N, C-alpha and C. Protein backbone atom coordinates (compact mmCIF):
# COMPACT_ATOMS: atom_id res chain seq x y z
N MET A 1 -104.38 0.11 -11.77
CA MET A 1 -104.66 -1.29 -11.76
C MET A 1 -103.42 -2.08 -12.12
N LYS A 2 -103.33 -3.22 -11.46
CA LYS A 2 -102.17 -4.06 -11.74
C LYS A 2 -102.54 -5.04 -12.84
N LYS A 3 -101.58 -5.25 -13.72
CA LYS A 3 -101.79 -6.22 -14.79
C LYS A 3 -101.56 -7.62 -14.24
N LYS A 4 -102.37 -8.56 -14.70
CA LYS A 4 -102.18 -9.96 -14.34
C LYS A 4 -100.98 -10.50 -15.10
N GLN A 5 -100.04 -11.05 -14.37
CA GLN A 5 -98.85 -11.57 -15.03
C GLN A 5 -99.16 -12.96 -15.58
N LEU A 6 -98.93 -13.17 -16.85
CA LEU A 6 -99.17 -14.45 -17.51
C LEU A 6 -97.92 -15.32 -17.40
N LYS A 7 -98.17 -16.58 -17.07
CA LYS A 7 -97.04 -17.53 -17.03
C LYS A 7 -96.83 -18.04 -18.44
N LYS A 8 -95.60 -18.00 -18.86
CA LYS A 8 -95.29 -18.45 -20.21
C LYS A 8 -94.49 -19.74 -20.15
N GLY A 9 -94.57 -20.52 -21.21
CA GLY A 9 -93.80 -21.74 -21.32
C GLY A 9 -94.60 -22.96 -20.90
N ARG A 10 -93.95 -24.07 -20.97
CA ARG A 10 -94.56 -25.36 -20.66
C ARG A 10 -94.66 -25.54 -19.16
N LYS A 11 -95.73 -26.17 -18.73
CA LYS A 11 -95.91 -26.47 -17.31
C LYS A 11 -94.92 -27.57 -16.92
N PRO A 12 -94.16 -27.38 -15.84
CA PRO A 12 -93.18 -28.42 -15.47
C PRO A 12 -93.87 -29.71 -15.03
N LYS A 13 -93.24 -30.84 -15.37
CA LYS A 13 -93.79 -32.14 -15.00
C LYS A 13 -93.54 -32.40 -13.53
N GLU A 14 -94.44 -33.19 -12.94
CA GLU A 14 -94.29 -33.51 -11.52
C GLU A 14 -93.08 -34.40 -11.28
N ASN A 15 -92.91 -35.40 -12.13
CA ASN A 15 -91.82 -36.37 -11.95
C ASN A 15 -91.10 -36.53 -13.30
N PRO A 16 -90.21 -35.59 -13.63
CA PRO A 16 -89.59 -35.65 -14.96
C PRO A 16 -88.66 -36.86 -15.11
N LEU A 17 -88.59 -37.35 -16.34
CA LEU A 17 -87.70 -38.47 -16.67
C LEU A 17 -86.36 -37.88 -17.10
N VAL A 18 -85.39 -37.88 -16.19
CA VAL A 18 -84.12 -37.22 -16.46
C VAL A 18 -82.94 -38.18 -16.55
N TYR A 19 -83.13 -39.43 -16.13
CA TYR A 19 -82.02 -40.38 -16.17
C TYR A 19 -82.08 -41.17 -17.47
N ARG A 20 -80.92 -41.35 -18.09
CA ARG A 20 -80.88 -41.98 -19.39
C ARG A 20 -79.88 -43.13 -19.36
N TYR A 21 -80.26 -44.25 -19.97
CA TYR A 21 -79.39 -45.42 -20.09
C TYR A 21 -79.33 -45.83 -21.55
N VAL A 22 -78.16 -46.26 -21.99
CA VAL A 22 -77.97 -46.65 -23.38
C VAL A 22 -77.42 -48.07 -23.41
N PHE A 23 -77.95 -48.88 -24.32
CA PHE A 23 -77.41 -50.22 -24.52
C PHE A 23 -77.45 -50.52 -26.01
N ARG A 24 -76.63 -51.44 -26.42
CA ARG A 24 -76.54 -51.77 -27.85
C ARG A 24 -76.93 -53.23 -28.06
N LEU A 25 -77.52 -53.51 -29.22
CA LEU A 25 -77.96 -54.85 -29.59
C LEU A 25 -77.34 -55.23 -30.92
N ASN A 26 -77.12 -56.54 -31.09
CA ASN A 26 -76.68 -56.99 -32.41
C ASN A 26 -77.94 -57.19 -33.28
N ALA A 27 -77.76 -57.62 -34.51
CA ALA A 27 -78.89 -57.71 -35.45
C ALA A 27 -79.96 -58.70 -34.97
N GLU A 28 -79.53 -59.86 -34.47
CA GLU A 28 -80.49 -60.87 -34.00
C GLU A 28 -81.26 -60.37 -32.78
N GLU A 29 -80.55 -59.77 -31.83
CA GLU A 29 -81.20 -59.25 -30.63
C GLU A 29 -82.16 -58.12 -30.98
N ASN A 30 -81.78 -57.27 -31.93
CA ASN A 30 -82.64 -56.17 -32.34
C ASN A 30 -83.92 -56.70 -32.99
N ALA A 31 -83.78 -57.71 -33.83
CA ALA A 31 -84.97 -58.29 -34.47
C ALA A 31 -85.91 -58.87 -33.42
N GLU A 32 -85.36 -59.56 -32.44
CA GLU A 32 -86.18 -60.12 -31.36
C GLU A 32 -86.83 -59.01 -30.53
N PHE A 33 -86.07 -57.95 -30.25
CA PHE A 33 -86.59 -56.81 -29.50
C PHE A 33 -87.76 -56.17 -30.24
N LEU A 34 -87.59 -55.92 -31.54
CA LEU A 34 -88.65 -55.29 -32.33
C LEU A 34 -89.88 -56.18 -32.43
N LEU A 35 -89.67 -57.49 -32.54
CA LEU A 35 -90.80 -58.42 -32.59
C LEU A 35 -91.60 -58.36 -31.29
N GLN A 36 -90.90 -58.40 -30.17
CA GLN A 36 -91.58 -58.33 -28.88
C GLN A 36 -92.25 -56.97 -28.68
N PHE A 37 -91.59 -55.90 -29.16
CA PHE A 37 -92.17 -54.57 -29.05
C PHE A 37 -93.48 -54.48 -29.85
N ASP A 38 -93.46 -55.02 -31.07
CA ASP A 38 -94.68 -55.01 -31.89
C ASP A 38 -95.80 -55.82 -31.24
N MET A 39 -95.45 -56.95 -30.66
CA MET A 39 -96.46 -57.80 -30.02
C MET A 39 -97.02 -57.16 -28.75
N SER A 40 -96.26 -56.26 -28.13
CA SER A 40 -96.71 -55.64 -26.89
C SER A 40 -97.87 -54.66 -27.12
N GLY A 41 -97.92 -54.05 -28.29
CA GLY A 41 -98.98 -53.10 -28.58
C GLY A 41 -98.68 -51.69 -28.07
N LEU A 42 -97.55 -51.49 -27.45
CA LEU A 42 -97.18 -50.16 -26.97
C LEU A 42 -96.69 -49.31 -28.14
N LYS A 43 -96.80 -48.00 -27.99
CA LYS A 43 -96.41 -47.08 -29.07
C LYS A 43 -94.98 -46.56 -28.92
N VAL A 44 -94.49 -46.51 -27.68
CA VAL A 44 -93.18 -45.93 -27.42
C VAL A 44 -92.24 -47.02 -26.90
N LYS A 45 -91.07 -47.13 -27.50
CA LYS A 45 -90.10 -48.16 -27.10
C LYS A 45 -89.65 -47.98 -25.66
N ALA A 46 -89.51 -46.74 -25.22
CA ALA A 46 -89.08 -46.49 -23.83
C ALA A 46 -90.11 -47.05 -22.85
N ASP A 47 -91.40 -46.89 -23.18
CA ASP A 47 -92.44 -47.45 -22.31
C ASP A 47 -92.37 -48.97 -22.29
N PHE A 48 -92.07 -49.56 -23.45
CA PHE A 48 -91.94 -51.02 -23.54
C PHE A 48 -90.78 -51.51 -22.67
N ILE A 49 -89.65 -50.84 -22.75
CA ILE A 49 -88.48 -51.24 -21.96
C ILE A 49 -88.77 -51.09 -20.47
N ARG A 50 -89.41 -49.98 -20.08
CA ARG A 50 -89.77 -49.79 -18.67
C ARG A 50 -90.73 -50.88 -18.20
N SER A 51 -91.68 -51.24 -19.06
CA SER A 51 -92.64 -52.28 -18.66
C SER A 51 -91.93 -53.62 -18.46
N ILE A 52 -90.95 -53.91 -19.30
CA ILE A 52 -90.19 -55.16 -19.13
C ILE A 52 -89.38 -55.11 -17.84
N LEU A 53 -88.76 -53.98 -17.57
CA LEU A 53 -87.89 -53.89 -16.39
C LEU A 53 -88.67 -53.88 -15.08
N PHE A 54 -89.79 -53.18 -15.02
CA PHE A 54 -90.43 -52.95 -13.73
C PHE A 54 -91.78 -53.64 -13.53
N GLU A 55 -92.42 -54.08 -14.59
CA GLU A 55 -93.74 -54.68 -14.44
C GLU A 55 -93.71 -56.20 -14.55
N ARG A 56 -92.65 -56.75 -15.04
CA ARG A 56 -92.54 -58.20 -15.16
C ARG A 56 -91.58 -58.72 -14.11
N GLU A 57 -91.78 -59.98 -13.77
CA GLU A 57 -90.89 -60.61 -12.79
C GLU A 57 -89.58 -60.98 -13.47
N ILE A 58 -88.49 -60.60 -12.85
CA ILE A 58 -87.16 -60.91 -13.37
C ILE A 58 -86.49 -61.83 -12.37
N LYS A 59 -86.02 -62.98 -12.83
CA LYS A 59 -85.34 -63.92 -11.96
C LYS A 59 -83.84 -63.70 -12.03
N VAL A 60 -83.23 -63.66 -10.88
CA VAL A 60 -81.78 -63.51 -10.79
C VAL A 60 -81.21 -64.86 -10.38
N VAL A 61 -80.27 -65.35 -11.17
CA VAL A 61 -79.65 -66.65 -10.90
C VAL A 61 -78.21 -66.41 -10.49
N LYS A 62 -77.88 -66.91 -9.31
CA LYS A 62 -76.50 -66.82 -8.85
C LYS A 62 -75.83 -68.15 -9.12
N VAL A 63 -74.68 -68.09 -9.76
CA VAL A 63 -73.95 -69.30 -10.10
C VAL A 63 -72.82 -69.47 -9.09
N ASP A 64 -72.85 -70.60 -8.41
CA ASP A 64 -71.81 -70.90 -7.44
C ASP A 64 -70.73 -71.70 -8.15
N LYS A 65 -69.55 -71.13 -8.24
CA LYS A 65 -68.45 -71.75 -8.98
C LYS A 65 -68.07 -73.10 -8.39
N SER A 66 -68.06 -73.22 -7.08
CA SER A 66 -67.68 -74.49 -6.47
C SER A 66 -68.72 -75.57 -6.77
N ALA A 67 -70.01 -75.21 -6.77
CA ALA A 67 -71.05 -76.18 -7.11
C ALA A 67 -70.90 -76.62 -8.56
N HIS A 68 -70.54 -75.67 -9.43
CA HIS A 68 -70.33 -76.01 -10.83
C HIS A 68 -69.14 -76.96 -10.98
N ASP A 69 -68.06 -76.70 -10.25
CA ASP A 69 -66.89 -77.57 -10.31
C ASP A 69 -67.23 -78.98 -9.84
N ILE A 70 -68.02 -79.06 -8.77
CA ILE A 70 -68.44 -80.37 -8.27
C ILE A 70 -69.28 -81.08 -9.33
N TYR A 71 -70.16 -80.35 -9.98
CA TYR A 71 -71.00 -80.93 -11.02
C TYR A 71 -70.14 -81.48 -12.16
N VAL A 72 -69.12 -80.73 -12.57
CA VAL A 72 -68.25 -81.17 -13.66
C VAL A 72 -67.51 -82.45 -13.25
N LYS A 73 -66.98 -82.47 -12.03
CA LYS A 73 -66.24 -83.66 -11.56
C LYS A 73 -67.16 -84.88 -11.49
N LEU A 74 -68.38 -84.68 -11.00
CA LEU A 74 -69.33 -85.80 -10.91
C LEU A 74 -69.71 -86.30 -12.30
N THR A 75 -69.82 -85.39 -13.25
CA THR A 75 -70.13 -85.79 -14.62
C THR A 75 -69.00 -86.64 -15.19
N GLU A 76 -67.76 -86.23 -14.93
CA GLU A 76 -66.60 -87.00 -15.39
C GLU A 76 -66.59 -88.38 -14.72
N LEU A 77 -66.88 -88.39 -13.42
CA LEU A 77 -66.90 -89.65 -12.68
C LEU A 77 -67.99 -90.58 -13.22
N TYR A 78 -69.14 -90.02 -13.53
CA TYR A 78 -70.23 -90.82 -14.09
C TYR A 78 -69.80 -91.44 -15.42
N ALA A 79 -69.11 -90.68 -16.25
CA ALA A 79 -68.62 -91.20 -17.53
C ALA A 79 -67.64 -92.35 -17.31
N GLN A 80 -66.79 -92.23 -16.28
CA GLN A 80 -65.86 -93.31 -15.97
C GLN A 80 -66.59 -94.56 -15.51
N PHE A 81 -67.66 -94.38 -14.73
CA PHE A 81 -68.45 -95.55 -14.29
C PHE A 81 -69.10 -96.24 -15.48
N ARG A 82 -69.56 -95.47 -16.45
CA ARG A 82 -70.14 -96.09 -17.66
C ARG A 82 -69.07 -96.91 -18.39
N LYS A 83 -67.85 -96.38 -18.45
CA LYS A 83 -66.77 -97.10 -19.11
C LYS A 83 -66.46 -98.39 -18.37
N ILE A 84 -66.48 -98.32 -17.03
CA ILE A 84 -66.23 -99.52 -16.23
C ILE A 84 -67.29 -100.57 -16.51
N GLY A 85 -68.55 -100.14 -16.63
CA GLY A 85 -69.63 -101.08 -16.93
C GLY A 85 -69.44 -101.77 -18.26
N VAL A 86 -69.01 -101.00 -19.27
CA VAL A 86 -68.76 -101.59 -20.59
C VAL A 86 -67.60 -102.58 -20.51
N ASN A 87 -66.53 -102.19 -19.83
CA ASN A 87 -65.37 -103.09 -19.68
C ASN A 87 -65.76 -104.35 -18.90
N TYR A 88 -66.59 -104.19 -17.88
CA TYR A 88 -67.04 -105.32 -17.07
C TYR A 88 -67.74 -106.34 -17.95
N ASN A 89 -68.65 -105.87 -18.79
CA ASN A 89 -69.37 -106.79 -19.69
C ASN A 89 -68.40 -107.49 -20.65
N GLN A 90 -67.42 -106.76 -21.16
CA GLN A 90 -66.46 -107.36 -22.09
C GLN A 90 -65.61 -108.42 -21.39
N VAL A 91 -65.20 -108.13 -20.14
CA VAL A 91 -64.36 -109.09 -19.39
C VAL A 91 -65.14 -110.37 -19.12
N VAL A 92 -66.39 -110.24 -18.69
CA VAL A 92 -67.20 -111.43 -18.39
C VAL A 92 -67.38 -112.26 -19.65
N LYS A 93 -67.63 -111.61 -20.76
CA LYS A 93 -67.81 -112.34 -22.02
C LYS A 93 -66.51 -113.08 -22.41
N LEU A 94 -65.36 -112.39 -22.25
CA LEU A 94 -64.08 -113.03 -22.58
C LEU A 94 -63.78 -114.21 -21.64
N LEU A 95 -64.08 -114.04 -20.35
CA LEU A 95 -63.86 -115.15 -19.41
C LEU A 95 -64.69 -116.36 -19.79
N HIS A 96 -65.90 -116.11 -20.18
CA HIS A 96 -66.80 -117.21 -20.54
C HIS A 96 -66.33 -117.92 -21.81
N ASN A 97 -65.86 -117.14 -22.78
CA ASN A 97 -65.46 -117.72 -24.07
C ASN A 97 -64.04 -118.29 -24.07
N THR A 98 -63.14 -117.74 -23.26
CA THR A 98 -61.72 -118.08 -23.36
C THR A 98 -61.29 -119.18 -22.39
N PHE A 99 -61.74 -119.11 -21.14
CA PHE A 99 -61.21 -120.00 -20.11
C PHE A 99 -62.16 -121.14 -19.81
N THR A 100 -61.59 -122.14 -19.12
CA THR A 100 -62.41 -123.25 -18.67
C THR A 100 -63.34 -122.75 -17.56
N THR A 101 -64.33 -123.56 -17.22
CA THR A 101 -65.32 -123.16 -16.23
C THR A 101 -64.67 -122.89 -14.88
N LYS A 102 -63.71 -123.77 -14.47
CA LYS A 102 -63.05 -123.62 -13.18
C LYS A 102 -62.23 -122.33 -13.12
N LYS A 103 -61.46 -122.09 -14.16
CA LYS A 103 -60.61 -120.89 -14.23
C LYS A 103 -61.49 -119.63 -14.30
N ALA A 104 -62.57 -119.68 -15.07
CA ALA A 104 -63.47 -118.54 -15.22
C ALA A 104 -64.12 -118.20 -13.88
N ARG A 105 -64.53 -119.24 -13.10
CA ARG A 105 -65.14 -119.00 -11.78
C ARG A 105 -64.14 -118.33 -10.84
N PHE A 106 -62.90 -118.77 -10.87
CA PHE A 106 -61.86 -118.19 -10.02
C PHE A 106 -61.67 -116.70 -10.36
N LEU A 107 -61.55 -116.40 -11.65
CA LEU A 107 -61.35 -115.02 -12.07
C LEU A 107 -62.59 -114.16 -11.80
N LEU A 108 -63.77 -114.75 -11.96
CA LEU A 108 -65.01 -114.02 -11.67
C LEU A 108 -65.13 -113.69 -10.19
N SER A 109 -64.63 -114.58 -9.31
CA SER A 109 -64.69 -114.29 -7.88
C SER A 109 -63.82 -113.08 -7.55
N LYS A 110 -62.64 -112.97 -8.19
CA LYS A 110 -61.79 -111.79 -8.00
C LYS A 110 -62.48 -110.53 -8.51
N LEU A 111 -63.11 -110.67 -9.66
CA LEU A 111 -63.83 -109.54 -10.24
C LEU A 111 -65.01 -109.13 -9.34
N GLU A 112 -65.64 -110.10 -8.72
CA GLU A 112 -66.76 -109.82 -7.83
C GLU A 112 -66.31 -109.03 -6.61
N LYS A 113 -65.14 -109.37 -6.05
CA LYS A 113 -64.62 -108.64 -4.90
C LYS A 113 -64.35 -107.17 -5.27
N GLN A 114 -63.78 -106.95 -6.42
CA GLN A 114 -63.52 -105.58 -6.88
C GLN A 114 -64.83 -104.82 -7.12
N THR A 115 -65.83 -105.54 -7.61
CA THR A 115 -67.14 -104.93 -7.84
C THR A 115 -67.78 -104.50 -6.53
N ILE A 116 -67.65 -105.31 -5.49
CA ILE A 116 -68.19 -104.97 -4.17
C ILE A 116 -67.50 -103.72 -3.63
N ALA A 117 -66.19 -103.64 -3.82
CA ALA A 117 -65.46 -102.44 -3.38
C ALA A 117 -65.94 -101.21 -4.15
N LEU A 118 -66.18 -101.38 -5.44
CA LEU A 118 -66.67 -100.28 -6.27
C LEU A 118 -68.07 -99.83 -5.83
N ILE A 119 -68.91 -100.77 -5.45
CA ILE A 119 -70.26 -100.45 -4.96
C ILE A 119 -70.16 -99.65 -3.67
N ALA A 120 -69.25 -100.01 -2.78
CA ALA A 120 -69.07 -99.27 -1.53
C ALA A 120 -68.65 -97.83 -1.81
N ILE A 121 -67.75 -97.64 -2.74
CA ILE A 121 -67.31 -96.29 -3.12
C ILE A 121 -68.49 -95.51 -3.70
N THR A 122 -69.29 -96.16 -4.52
CA THR A 122 -70.46 -95.51 -5.13
C THR A 122 -71.44 -95.06 -4.06
N GLU A 123 -71.67 -95.89 -3.06
CA GLU A 123 -72.60 -95.53 -1.98
C GLU A 123 -72.08 -94.33 -1.19
N LYS A 124 -70.77 -94.32 -0.90
CA LYS A 124 -70.17 -93.17 -0.22
C LYS A 124 -70.35 -91.89 -1.05
N MET A 125 -70.09 -92.02 -2.33
CA MET A 125 -70.21 -90.89 -3.23
C MET A 125 -71.67 -90.39 -3.26
N THR A 126 -72.61 -91.29 -3.30
CA THR A 126 -74.03 -90.92 -3.31
C THR A 126 -74.40 -90.17 -2.04
N ARG A 127 -73.91 -90.63 -0.88
CA ARG A 127 -74.19 -89.93 0.38
C ARG A 127 -73.59 -88.53 0.37
N LEU A 128 -72.37 -88.41 -0.15
CA LEU A 128 -71.74 -87.09 -0.24
C LEU A 128 -72.52 -86.15 -1.15
N ILE A 129 -72.98 -86.66 -2.26
CA ILE A 129 -73.77 -85.85 -3.20
C ILE A 129 -75.05 -85.37 -2.52
N GLN A 130 -75.71 -86.25 -1.77
CA GLN A 130 -76.93 -85.86 -1.07
C GLN A 130 -76.65 -84.78 -0.03
N LYS A 131 -75.53 -84.90 0.68
CA LYS A 131 -75.17 -83.87 1.65
C LYS A 131 -74.92 -82.53 0.96
N ILE A 132 -74.22 -82.56 -0.15
CA ILE A 132 -73.94 -81.34 -0.90
C ILE A 132 -75.24 -80.71 -1.39
N GLU A 133 -76.15 -81.53 -1.92
CA GLU A 133 -77.43 -81.00 -2.40
C GLU A 133 -78.21 -80.35 -1.26
N GLU A 134 -78.26 -81.00 -0.11
CA GLU A 134 -79.01 -80.47 1.01
C GLU A 134 -78.42 -79.16 1.53
N LYS A 135 -77.11 -79.10 1.58
CA LYS A 135 -76.46 -77.96 2.22
C LYS A 135 -76.23 -76.79 1.28
N TRP A 136 -75.84 -77.05 0.03
CA TRP A 136 -75.36 -75.96 -0.82
C TRP A 136 -76.24 -75.63 -2.00
N LEU A 137 -76.91 -76.61 -2.58
CA LEU A 137 -77.63 -76.33 -3.82
C LEU A 137 -79.05 -75.87 -3.53
N GLN A 138 -79.46 -74.82 -4.24
CA GLN A 138 -80.82 -74.30 -4.08
C GLN A 138 -81.77 -75.14 -4.90
N LYS A 139 -82.98 -75.25 -4.40
CA LYS A 139 -83.99 -76.01 -5.14
C LYS A 139 -85.08 -75.09 -5.63
């Protein structure tokens, strides 16, 4: 009679976990990680990390350097327009207080012409910004 051969050892897993990744956290990040791990109710940290990576939606944000540069320049330009507005108010007040009515009207007419030119530039800039938003910036 033949003896039945017994299989010894652990039964191999169907899909073994053989890939390993290591990352490091600072004290604040670790505290936040442990807090979220405790709130998850899971028993194993590896399961918690896998659930975060594969079961939750992760948004990827691509930063376009040129769009950022345009944003910075527009922010600077906006600050300059605010300064112009403040200066405009100061000039009108000085004209009213310092000069005669006739002289003030003459100077205000010159200021008005410059203001109209500034409005035209602002409208052009607004159209360009709208074109940039439509073509390049994601919504």
